[in-house]
Amino acid sequence: MTRYRDEQSPPAGRVPLTARQRDILEYLQLFMSQRGFPPTLREAAAEFGIQHNAIVGHLKALEAKRYIERDVATARGIRIV
């Protein structure tokens, strides 16, 4: 996955992301634009070669930084804000 355009600053009022968080956010955006729905946690973890718990941690961080919203009751419950 590519990073934000030339590592520019995050949008105003947003907390900066780590490189891995940026990669995951860009993956989510690309996946959703191509397929019309978000990936499952298992699909996202497989994309990055990490464990399920690790992707959950990254998604929680993205949610805390207000880049995404999650519905934990749904397998594909990810929405980009």
Protein backbone atom coordinates (compact mmCIF):
# COMPACT_ATOMS: atom_id res chain seq x y z
CA MET A 1 0.00 0.00 0.00
CA THR A 2 1.12 3.54 -0.65
CA ARG A 3 1.28 6.21 1.96
CA TYR A 4 -0.50 9.56 2.08
CA ARG A 5 0.58 11.72 -0.75
CA ASP A 6 4.21 12.53 0.06
CA GLU A 7 3.70 12.07 3.81
CA GLN A 8 1.77 15.32 4.10
CA SER A 9 0.14 16.41 7.33
CA PRO A 10 -3.20 14.92 8.34
CA PRO A 11 -6.40 16.88 7.70
CA ALA A 12 -7.00 19.78 10.09
CA GLY A 13 -8.16 18.72 13.53
CA ARG A 14 -7.01 15.10 13.13
CA VAL A 15 -4.35 13.28 15.09
CA PRO A 16 -1.46 12.06 12.90
CA LEU A 17 -1.35 8.38 12.02
CA THR A 18 1.52 5.95 12.25
CA ALA A 19 2.84 4.57 8.96
CA ARG A 20 1.02 1.27 9.56
CA GLN A 21 -2.25 3.06 10.40
CA ARG A 22 -1.96 5.09 7.17
CA ASP A 23 -1.38 1.90 5.21
CA ILE A 24 -4.41 0.24 6.78
CA LEU A 25 -6.62 3.29 6.21
CA GLU A 26 -5.56 3.44 2.56
CA TYR A 27 -6.24 -0.29 2.20
CA LEU A 28 -9.73 0.22 3.64
CA GLN A 29 -10.40 3.11 1.26
CA LEU A 30 -9.19 1.15 -1.77
CA PHE A 31 -11.04 -2.04 -0.82
CA MET A 32 -14.28 -0.12 -0.25
CA SER A 33 -13.98 1.90 -3.46
CA GLN A 34 -13.38 -1.24 -5.51
CA ARG A 35 -15.96 -3.51 -3.90
CA GLY A 36 -18.52 -1.18 -2.35
CA PHE A 37 -18.24 -2.70 1.12
CA PRO A 38 -15.51 -2.96 3.77
CA PRO A 39 -13.27 -5.99 4.32
CA THR A 40 -13.76 -8.41 7.18
CA LEU A 41 -11.20 -8.32 9.98
CA ARG A 42 -9.79 -11.60 8.68
CA GLU A 43 -9.35 -10.17 5.17
CA ALA A 44 -7.63 -7.05 6.52
CA ALA A 45 -5.33 -9.06 8.78
CA ALA A 46 -4.39 -11.37 5.88
CA GLU A 47 -3.60 -8.38 3.65
CA PHE A 48 -0.97 -7.20 6.13
CA GLY A 49 0.21 -10.61 7.32
CA ILE A 50 -0.73 -9.89 10.92
CA GLN A 51 -2.87 -11.57 13.55
CA HIS A 52 -6.57 -10.80 14.06
CA ASN A 53 -5.84 -9.10 17.40
CA ALA A 54 -3.28 -6.81 15.76
CA ILE A 55 -5.72 -5.57 13.11
CA VAL A 56 -8.32 -5.01 15.83
CA GLY A 57 -5.79 -2.84 17.67
CA HIS A 58 -5.05 -0.79 14.57
CA LEU A 59 -8.75 -0.32 13.85
CA LYS A 60 -9.37 0.77 17.44
CA ALA A 61 -6.59 3.35 17.04
CA LEU A 62 -8.10 4.60 13.76
CA GLU A 63 -11.48 4.84 15.47
CA ALA A 64 -10.03 6.70 18.47
CA LYS A 65 -8.38 9.16 16.07
CA ARG A 66 -11.74 9.55 14.29
CA TYR A 67 -10.69 8.28 10.88
CA ILE A 68 -13.20 5.42 10.93
CA GLU A 69 -16.31 4.31 12.79
CA ARG A 70 -16.92 0.68 13.65
CA ASP A 71 -19.96 -1.45 14.37
CA VAL A 72 -18.43 -4.34 16.27
CA ALA A 73 -21.64 -6.35 16.00
CA THR A 74 -21.16 -6.65 12.21
CA ALA A 75 -18.47 -8.57 10.29
CA ARG A 76 -17.95 -5.68 7.86
CA GLY A 77 -18.84 -2.91 10.27
CA ILE A 78 -16.24 -0.33 9.21
CA ARG A 79 -17.08 3.12 7.88
CA ILE A 80 -14.57 5.78 6.86
CA VAL A 81 -15.41 9.15 8.36
